[in-house]
């Protein structure tokens, strides 16, 4: 379209041949544009445009006073257009073509000056043509340079965004790899601890059964061994239930949570009734102060498992004649269940590792053995219900576990 600027000036100066050449060149450019834009034949159109441009510029060189006219400078504009809009693989071709064509035209003019007549009628026409050509070339170079700069910035932004996404994905992968590695180590340790804790009571159970069945015992001795066997089986079953609840969720890629309004008192009463026998053996008194209408948004099975583990834990670490208090409050849209005991308490280091899989065997006041998986399971299940769990503890005075769930 830049060539349209030359058309009226060439007609006014009587340069008919040049005007006809410009009209033909503009027409061909429109044809090439149509094929590149609407027929998707971009490469072919660029090559045809280049060939026609060289022919047209060469003809213009002879029709427009050779090196005296602006044709040589228009070659630079053509070169920049080809570099801007063609594929990189063609850039060297256009460079070689411009490197050869212009010197050849200059040699022809030098040895055959009669082939390149002076077509300017007056000195005024000459200066007008040069000024117009200069302005057209200036505008063309500015437009092409601006286009290239915008195209560069656009591609740079795309590359930067893509690089940022890759960097973000890389960081996320590193974090996930670290989490997976940590989880894998924790699982390995967990199964090592649990396998040991399952093997030991089973071996003891076998030994107790051999004593009961194979050796003559007094009735009181037999009853004592049977009570120990029962306690051993009960503690092993509790650990197995916790392990099963945790591992099923891990193997299935997550635990299914069925949230709904749950009345807390029936859940607490059920757990307390089931644990009453074990609390009575240690003369531990359990005090429940939970209102009938107190409800939270929770999964009933998960809530029961959480309360059961916390009550079992309180019984385990509460000495003879101790107390356990189960209470609740409602604050800031959350129902907070408190299970407080008068047990042995915990150190800050023990609290720090309490809800993790950094397991180590622990023993209650009645030498009851635990692995710690129950409290880790409580933390997981509370989080799945969009809740929070924490603990306060003082050595030799007791611990208080808090479970906060939406009401």
Protein backbone atom coordinates (compact mmCIF):
# COMPACT_ATOMS: atom_id res chain seq x y z
CA UNK A 1 0.00 0.00 0.00
CA UNK A 2 3.04 2.26 0.43
CA UNK A 3 3.45 2.28 -3.35
CA UNK A 4 0.11 4.08 -3.73
CA UNK A 5 1.82 7.22 -2.43
CA UNK A 6 4.13 7.30 -5.47
CA UNK A 7 1.34 6.90 -8.02
CA UNK A 8 -0.09 10.48 -8.12
CA UNK A 9 3.39 12.06 -8.09
CA UNK A 10 4.58 9.92 -11.00
CA UNK A 11 1.43 10.74 -12.99
CA UNK A 12 1.90 14.46 -12.26
CA UNK A 13 5.53 14.33 -13.40
CA UNK A 14 4.58 12.53 -16.63
CA UNK A 15 6.29 9.27 -15.68
CA UNK A 16 3.65 7.05 -17.29
CA UNK A 17 5.78 3.93 -17.55
CA UNK A 18 6.57 4.07 -13.84
CA UNK A 19 2.90 4.68 -12.97
CA UNK A 20 1.84 1.64 -15.02
CA UNK A 21 4.53 -0.46 -13.32
CA UNK A 22 3.32 0.67 -9.91
CA UNK A 23 -0.31 -0.18 -10.75
CA UNK A 24 0.74 -3.65 -11.91
CA UNK A 25 2.89 -4.19 -8.82
CA UNK A 26 0.10 -3.06 -6.46
CA UNK A 27 -2.36 -5.39 -8.20
CA UNK A 28 0.01 -8.34 -7.85
CA UNK A 29 0.58 -7.51 -4.19
CA UNK A 30 -3.18 -7.64 -3.60
CA UNK A 31 -3.33 -11.03 -5.31
CA UNK A 32 -0.47 -12.37 -3.17
CA UNK A 33 -2.12 -11.01 -0.04
CA UNK A 34 -5.37 -12.79 -0.94
CA UNK A 35 -3.62 -16.13 -1.44
CA UNK A 36 -1.59 -15.80 1.77
CA UNK A 37 -4.49 -14.64 3.96
CA UNK A 38 -7.48 -16.54 2.64
CA UNK A 39 -5.96 -19.51 0.78
CA UNK A 40 -3.31 -20.16 3.48
CA UNK A 41 -0.53 -20.25 0.86
CA UNK A 42 1.75 -17.93 2.78
CA UNK A 43 5.17 -19.26 1.73
CA UNK A 44 4.30 -19.39 -1.97
CA UNK A 45 2.87 -15.87 -1.84
CA UNK A 46 6.02 -14.47 -0.20
CA UNK A 47 8.27 -16.10 -2.81
CA UNK A 48 6.13 -14.82 -5.67
CA UNK A 49 6.07 -11.35 -4.08
CA UNK A 50 9.87 -11.38 -3.82
CA UNK A 51 10.32 -12.38 -7.47
CA UNK A 52 7.86 -9.74 -8.69
CA UNK A 53 9.44 -7.11 -6.44
CA UNK A 54 12.92 -7.76 -7.85
CA UNK A 55 11.61 -7.56 -11.39
CA UNK A 56 9.60 -4.42 -10.63
CA UNK A 57 12.50 -2.70 -8.81
CA UNK A 58 14.87 -3.56 -11.67
CA UNK A 59 12.41 -2.12 -14.20
CA UNK A 60 11.93 0.96 -12.02
CA UNK A 61 15.69 1.40 -11.90
CA UNK A 62 15.79 1.76 -15.69
CA UNK A 63 12.59 3.83 -15.98
CA UNK A 64 13.38 6.19 -13.11
CA UNK A 65 16.87 7.56 -13.82
CA UNK A 66 18.90 4.67 -12.35
CA UNK A 67 21.18 5.59 -9.45
CA UNK A 68 20.04 9.19 -9.73
CA UNK A 69 16.50 8.21 -8.67
CA UNK A 70 15.25 6.66 -5.42
CA UNK A 71 15.10 3.06 -6.67
CA UNK A 72 18.24 1.92 -4.85
CA UNK A 73 16.76 3.09 -1.54
CA UNK A 74 13.48 1.37 -2.31
CA UNK A 75 15.46 -1.86 -2.59
CA UNK A 76 16.34 -1.49 1.12
CA UNK A 77 12.67 -1.11 1.98
CA UNK A 78 11.84 -4.24 -0.04
CA UNK A 79 14.63 -6.13 1.71
CA UNK A 80 13.31 -5.17 5.13
CA UNK A 81 9.77 -6.21 4.18
CA UNK A 82 10.98 -9.62 3.04
CA UNK A 83 13.03 -10.13 6.21
CA UNK A 84 10.09 -9.08 8.39
CA UNK A 85 7.44 -11.33 6.86
CA UNK A 86 9.26 -14.38 5.52
CA UNK A 87 10.54 -17.48 7.28
CA UNK A 88 14.08 -17.49 8.65
CA UNK A 89 15.25 -20.05 6.12
CA UNK A 90 14.68 -17.51 3.30
CA UNK A 91 16.55 -14.60 4.89
CA UNK A 92 19.92 -15.63 3.49
CA UNK A 93 18.39 -15.93 0.00
CA UNK A 94 17.05 -12.37 0.15
CA UNK A 95 20.41 -11.13 1.41
CA UNK A 96 22.30 -12.74 -1.45
CA UNK A 97 19.75 -11.46 -3.97
CA UNK A 98 20.09 -7.86 -2.75
CA UNK A 99 23.84 -8.25 -2.47
CA UNK A 100 24.02 -9.20 -6.18
CA UNK A 101 21.15 -7.37 -7.90
CA UNK A 102 22.01 -3.76 -7.01
CA UNK A 103 25.73 -3.99 -7.94
CA UNK A 104 24.71 -5.61 -11.24
CA UNK A 105 22.31 -2.75 -11.99
CA UNK A 106 24.98 -0.20 -11.11
CA UNK A 107 27.47 -1.93 -13.44
CA UNK A 108 24.95 -1.89 -16.27
CA UNK A 109 24.39 1.83 -15.71
CA UNK A 110 28.13 2.43 -15.63
CA UNK A 111 28.94 0.56 -18.84
CA UNK A 112 25.64 1.24 -20.67
CA UNK A 113 24.46 4.69 -19.55
CA UNK A 114 22.20 4.97 -22.55
CA UNK A 115 20.08 2.16 -21.14
CA UNK A 116 19.29 4.31 -18.11
CA UNK A 117 17.93 7.68 -19.37
CA UNK A 118 17.23 10.63 -17.12
CA UNK A 119 13.44 10.71 -16.92
CA UNK A 120 13.03 13.82 -14.79
CA UNK A 121 11.61 16.73 -16.78
CA UNK A 122 12.77 19.41 -14.36
CA UNK A 123 14.98 19.82 -11.35
CA UNK A 124 11.81 20.35 -9.29
CA UNK A 125 10.46 16.92 -10.30
CA UNK A 126 13.73 15.35 -9.23
CA UNK A 127 13.65 16.87 -5.75
CA UNK A 128 9.95 16.09 -5.25
CA UNK A 129 10.53 12.46 -6.14
CA UNK A 130 13.48 12.18 -3.75
CA UNK A 131 11.62 13.86 -0.87
CA UNK A 132 8.52 11.70 -1.34
CA UNK A 133 10.64 8.57 -1.61
CA UNK A 134 12.53 9.49 1.54
CA UNK A 135 9.32 10.07 3.49
CA UNK A 136 7.79 6.85 2.21
CA UNK A 137 10.90 4.85 3.10
CA UNK A 138 11.06 6.51 6.54
CA UNK A 139 7.43 5.63 7.28
CA UNK A 140 7.92 2.13 5.92
CA UNK A 141 11.03 1.47 8.02
CA UNK A 142 9.28 2.85 11.12
CA UNK A 143 6.22 0.68 10.53
CA UNK A 144 8.27 -2.46 9.85
CA UNK A 145 10.55 -1.85 12.83
CA UNK A 146 7.58 -1.25 15.10
CA UNK A 147 5.91 -4.43 13.81
CA UNK A 148 9.06 -6.46 14.42
CA UNK A 149 9.45 -4.99 17.90
CA UNK A 150 5.82 -5.77 18.84
CA UNK A 151 6.17 -9.25 17.40
CA UNK A 152 9.36 -9.78 19.40
CA UNK A 153 7.75 -8.55 22.62
CA UNK A 154 4.67 -10.70 22.02
CA UNK A 155 6.80 -13.81 21.50
CA UNK A 156 8.98 -12.85 24.45
CA UNK A 157 5.92 -12.55 26.68
CA UNK A 158 4.69 -15.93 25.49
CA UNK A 159 8.09 -17.47 26.18
CA UNK A 160 8.30 -15.77 29.58
CA UNK A 161 4.81 -16.97 30.53
CA UNK A 162 5.64 -20.48 29.35
CA UNK A 163 8.95 -20.39 31.25
CA UNK A 164 7.14 -19.14 34.37
CA UNK A 165 4.61 -21.97 34.07
CA UNK A 166 7.41 -24.50 33.65
CA UNK A 167 9.22 -23.04 36.66
CA UNK A 168 6.02 -23.16 38.70
CA UNK A 169 5.39 -26.76 37.63
CA UNK A 170 9.01 -27.59 38.45
CA UNK A 171 8.62 -26.14 41.94
CA UNK A 172 5.33 -27.98 42.43
CA UNK A 173 6.94 -31.23 41.27
CA UNK A 174 9.85 -30.72 43.68
CA UNK A 175 7.43 -30.05 46.54
CA UNK A 176 5.31 -33.07 45.64
CA UNK A 177 8.41 -35.26 45.28
CA UNK A 178 9.57 -34.13 48.72
CA UNK A 179 6.12 -34.83 50.14
CA UNK A 180 5.98 -38.23 48.49
CA UNK A 181 9.46 -39.07 49.70
CA UNK A 182 8.56 -38.01 53.23
CA UNK A 183 5.28 -39.94 53.06
CA UNK A 184 7.07 -43.00 51.72
CA UNK A 185 9.58 -42.85 54.57
CA UNK A 186 6.79 -42.39 57.09
CA UNK A 187 4.84 -45.31 55.64
CA UNK A 188 7.95 -47.50 55.72
CA UNK A 189 8.52 -46.60 59.36
CA UNK A 190 4.82 -47.02 60.12
CA UNK A 191 4.64 -50.55 58.71
CA UNK A 192 7.91 -51.43 60.41
CA UNK A 193 6.53 -50.30 63.78
CA UNK A 194 3.12 -51.87 63.23
CA UNK A 195 4.54 -55.19 62.02
CA UNK A 196 6.65 -55.33 65.17
CA UNK A 197 3.70 -54.35 67.37
CA UNK A 198 1.49 -56.97 65.76
CA UNK A 199 4.09 -59.71 65.87
CA UNK A 200 4.96 -59.20 69.53
CA UNK A 201 1.42 -59.52 70.99
CA UNK A 202 0.68 -62.47 68.73
CA UNK A 203 3.81 -64.22 69.98
CA UNK A 204 2.83 -63.43 73.56
CA UNK A 205 -0.71 -64.69 72.90
CA UNK A 206 0.68 -67.98 71.63
CA UNK A 207 2.85 -68.30 74.74
CA UNK A 208 -0.09 -67.53 77.05
CA UNK A 209 -2.25 -70.13 75.29
CA UNK A 210 0.52 -72.71 75.71
CA UNK A 211 0.71 -71.94 79.43
CA UNK A 212 -3.08 -72.20 79.82
CA UNK A 213 -3.44 -75.40 77.81
CA UNK A 214 -0.22 -77.32 78.44
CA UNK A 215 0.62 -76.65 82.07
CA UNK A 216 -1.32 -77.40 85.28
CA UNK A 217 -2.34 -74.07 86.78
CA UNK A 218 -4.32 -72.92 89.76
CA UNK A 219 -7.71 -71.44 88.90
CA UNK A 220 -6.61 -67.96 89.97
CA UNK A 221 -3.48 -68.22 87.81
CA UNK A 222 -5.53 -69.41 84.86
CA UNK A 223 -8.01 -66.54 85.25
CA UNK A 224 -5.14 -64.04 85.47
CA UNK A 225 -3.57 -65.36 82.28
CA UNK A 226 -6.94 -65.26 80.52
CA UNK A 227 -7.44 -61.62 81.56
CA UNK A 228 -3.97 -60.77 80.23
CA UNK A 229 -4.74 -62.60 77.01
CA UNK A 230 -8.02 -60.70 76.69
CA UNK A 231 -6.30 -57.33 77.28
CA UNK A 232 -3.61 -58.23 74.77
CA UNK A 233 -6.19 -59.21 72.15
CA UNK A 234 -8.23 -56.07 72.80
CA UNK A 235 -5.23 -53.71 72.44
CA UNK A 236 -4.10 -55.51 69.29
CA UNK A 237 -7.60 -55.26 67.82
CA UNK A 238 -7.72 -51.52 68.55
CA UNK A 239 -4.40 -51.02 66.79
CA UNK A 240 -5.52 -53.17 63.88
CA UNK A 241 -8.77 -51.19 63.50
CA UNK A 242 -6.84 -47.92 63.40
CA UNK A 243 -4.37 -49.32 60.91
CA UNK A 244 -7.18 -50.64 58.72
CA UNK A 245 -9.01 -47.30 58.76
CA UNK A 246 -5.84 -45.42 57.82
CA UNK A 247 -4.48 -47.83 55.21
CA UNK A 248 -7.82 -48.22 53.38
CA UNK A 249 -7.92 -44.49 52.76
CA UNK A 250 -4.28 -44.46 51.59
CA UNK A 251 -4.70 -47.37 49.21
CA UNK A 252 -7.92 -46.00 47.71
CA UNK A 253 -6.38 -42.55 47.17
CA UNK A 254 -8.46 -40.90 49.86
CA UNK A 255 -11.17 -41.53 52.43
CA UNK A 256 -14.79 -40.86 51.49
CA UNK A 257 -16.31 -38.29 53.82
CA UNK A 258 -20.08 -38.14 54.36
CA UNK A 259 -20.70 -34.87 56.14
CA UNK A 260 -23.95 -34.14 57.89
CA UNK A 261 -25.42 -32.91 61.16
CA UNK A 262 -24.34 -35.31 63.92
CA UNK A 263 -25.65 -35.28 67.49
CA UNK A 264 -22.48 -35.58 69.56
CA UNK A 265 -23.91 -37.00 72.81
CA UNK A 266 -25.03 -40.39 71.37
CA UNK A 267 -21.58 -40.82 69.83
CA UNK A 268 -19.83 -40.00 73.11
CA UNK A 269 -22.19 -42.22 75.13
CA UNK A 270 -21.55 -45.15 72.80
CA UNK A 271 -17.78 -44.77 73.15
CA UNK A 272 -17.91 -44.29 76.92
CA UNK A 273 -20.08 -47.40 77.33
CA UNK A 274 -17.66 -49.48 75.28
CA UNK A 275 -14.64 -48.23 77.24
CA UNK A 276 -16.26 -48.28 80.69
CA UNK A 277 -14.91 -51.72 81.57
CA UNK A 278 -11.30 -50.73 80.86
CA UNK A 279 -11.69 -47.46 82.76
CA UNK A 280 -13.21 -49.32 85.73
CA UNK A 281 -10.23 -51.68 85.93
CA UNK A 282 -8.04 -48.65 86.64
CA UNK A 283 -10.77 -47.02 88.75
CA UNK A 284 -10.77 -44.10 86.29
CA UNK A 285 -13.92 -42.02 86.52
CA UNK A 286 -15.36 -40.68 83.26
CA UNK A 287 -17.50 -37.53 83.49
CA UNK A 288 -19.57 -36.60 80.44
CA UNK A 289 -21.08 -33.13 80.16
CA UNK A 290 -22.44 -33.01 76.62
CA UNK A 291 -25.87 -31.50 75.91
CA UNK A 292 -28.46 -33.50 74.03
CA UNK A 293 -28.88 -30.77 71.40
CA UNK A 294 -25.17 -30.24 70.75
CA UNK A 295 -24.47 -31.08 67.10
CA UNK A 296 -21.62 -30.58 64.63
CA UNK A 297 -21.17 -31.04 60.89
CA UNK A 298 -19.19 -34.25 60.66
CA UNK A 299 -18.96 -37.81 59.38
CA UNK A 300 -20.50 -39.96 62.15
CA UNK A 301 -18.12 -42.91 61.71
CA UNK A 302 -15.08 -40.64 61.66
CA UNK A 303 -16.27 -38.73 64.70
CA UNK A 304 -16.79 -41.97 66.62
CA UNK A 305 -13.29 -43.17 65.71
CA UNK A 306 -11.80 -39.83 66.83
CA UNK A 307 -13.62 -39.83 70.18
CA UNK A 308 -12.83 -43.51 70.75
CA UNK A 309 -9.11 -43.01 70.15
CA UNK A 310 -8.94 -39.94 72.36
CA UNK A 311 -10.86 -41.66 75.20
CA UNK A 312 -8.70 -44.79 74.90
CA UNK A 313 -5.62 -42.59 74.97
CA UNK A 314 -6.88 -40.77 78.07
CA UNK A 315 -7.59 -44.06 79.88
CA UNK A 316 -4.20 -45.44 78.92
CA UNK A 317 -2.22 -42.53 80.36
CA UNK A 318 -4.38 -41.81 83.40
CA UNK A 319 -3.24 -43.44 86.66
CA UNK A 320 -5.43 -45.39 89.05
CA UNK A 321 -8.29 -43.30 90.55
CA UNK A 322 -7.80 -40.60 87.90
CA UNK A 323 -10.53 -38.74 86.05
CA UNK A 324 -11.53 -38.08 82.45
CA UNK A 325 -13.84 -35.19 81.53
CA UNK A 326 -15.66 -34.96 78.20
CA UNK A 327 -17.19 -31.53 77.62
CA UNK A 328 -18.05 -29.12 74.84
CA UNK A 329 -18.42 -25.42 73.99
CA UNK A 330 -19.55 -23.52 70.89
CA UNK A 331 -17.35 -20.66 69.68
CA UNK A 332 -17.12 -18.74 66.41
CA UNK A 333 -19.35 -21.12 64.49
CA UNK A 334 -17.49 -24.21 65.69
CA UNK A 335 -18.34 -26.91 68.17
CA UNK A 336 -15.34 -27.79 70.33
CA UNK A 337 -15.24 -31.21 72.01
CA UNK A 338 -12.80 -31.41 74.92
CA UNK A 339 -11.43 -34.68 76.35
CA UNK A 340 -9.36 -33.85 79.43
CA UNK A 341 -7.60 -36.27 81.75
CA UNK A 342 -5.59 -36.17 84.96
CA UNK A 343 -2.85 -38.33 83.51
CA UNK A 344 0.92 -38.14 83.19
CA UNK A 345 0.99 -35.26 80.69
CA UNK A 346 3.48 -34.73 77.86
CA UNK A 347 6.64 -32.78 77.09
CA UNK A 348 6.82 -30.17 74.32
CA UNK A 349 8.81 -32.60 72.16
CA UNK A 350 6.16 -35.28 72.59
CA UNK A 351 3.42 -32.80 71.65
CA UNK A 352 5.37 -31.74 68.55
CA UNK A 353 5.47 -35.33 67.24
CA UNK A 354 2.04 -36.29 68.53
CA UNK A 355 -0.04 -36.17 65.34
CA UNK A 356 2.70 -37.23 62.89
CA UNK A 357 3.88 -40.61 61.65
CA UNK A 358 7.13 -40.26 63.60
CA UNK A 359 6.02 -43.20 65.68
CA UNK A 360 7.68 -44.69 68.70
CA UNK A 361 6.19 -47.21 71.12
CA UNK A 362 4.65 -45.71 74.26
CA UNK A 363 3.39 -47.30 77.44
CA UNK A 364 0.47 -46.25 79.60
CA UNK A 365 0.23 -46.15 83.37
CA UNK A 366 -0.90 -49.80 83.33
CA UNK A 367 1.90 -50.79 80.95
CA UNK A 368 -0.54 -50.64 78.01
CA UNK A 369 1.41 -50.40 74.76
CA UNK A 370 0.55 -48.03 71.91
CA UNK A 371 2.13 -47.10 68.58
CA UNK A 372 0.69 -43.60 68.10
CA UNK A 373 -1.10 -44.32 64.85
CA UNK A 374 -4.46 -43.58 66.49
CA UNK A 375 -3.65 -39.92 67.12
CA UNK A 376 -2.26 -39.52 63.59
CA UNK A 377 -5.50 -40.98 62.29
CA UNK A 378 -7.49 -38.52 64.45
CA UNK A 379 -5.60 -35.61 62.87
CA UNK A 380 -6.23 -36.87 59.33
CA UNK A 381 -9.94 -37.45 59.93
CA UNK A 382 -10.44 -34.08 61.64
CA UNK A 383 -8.83 -32.27 58.69
CA UNK A 384 -10.98 -34.21 56.23
CA UNK A 385 -14.02 -32.84 58.07
CA UNK A 386 -12.68 -29.26 57.79
CA UNK A 387 -11.92 -29.19 61.49
CA UNK A 388 -8.98 -28.66 63.80
CA UNK A 389 -7.39 -30.66 66.61
CA UNK A 390 -4.88 -29.53 69.19
CA UNK A 391 -3.69 -30.39 72.70
CA UNK A 392 -2.64 -28.70 75.93
CA UNK A 393 -0.59 -30.71 78.39
CA UNK A 394 1.30 -30.30 81.64
CA UNK A 395 3.69 -32.96 82.95
CA UNK A 396 2.20 -34.93 85.88
CA UNK A 397 -1.05 -32.96 85.71
CA UNK A 398 -2.73 -34.24 82.57
CA UNK A 399 -3.63 -33.43 78.98
CA UNK A 400 -6.61 -31.86 77.23
CA UNK A 401 -7.40 -32.70 73.61
CA UNK A 402 -9.64 -30.33 71.63
CA UNK A 403 -11.54 -31.23 68.47
CA UNK A 404 -13.19 -28.29 66.69
CA UNK A 405 -15.73 -28.97 63.91
CA UNK A 406 -18.19 -26.72 62.07
CA UNK A 407 -21.64 -26.59 63.68
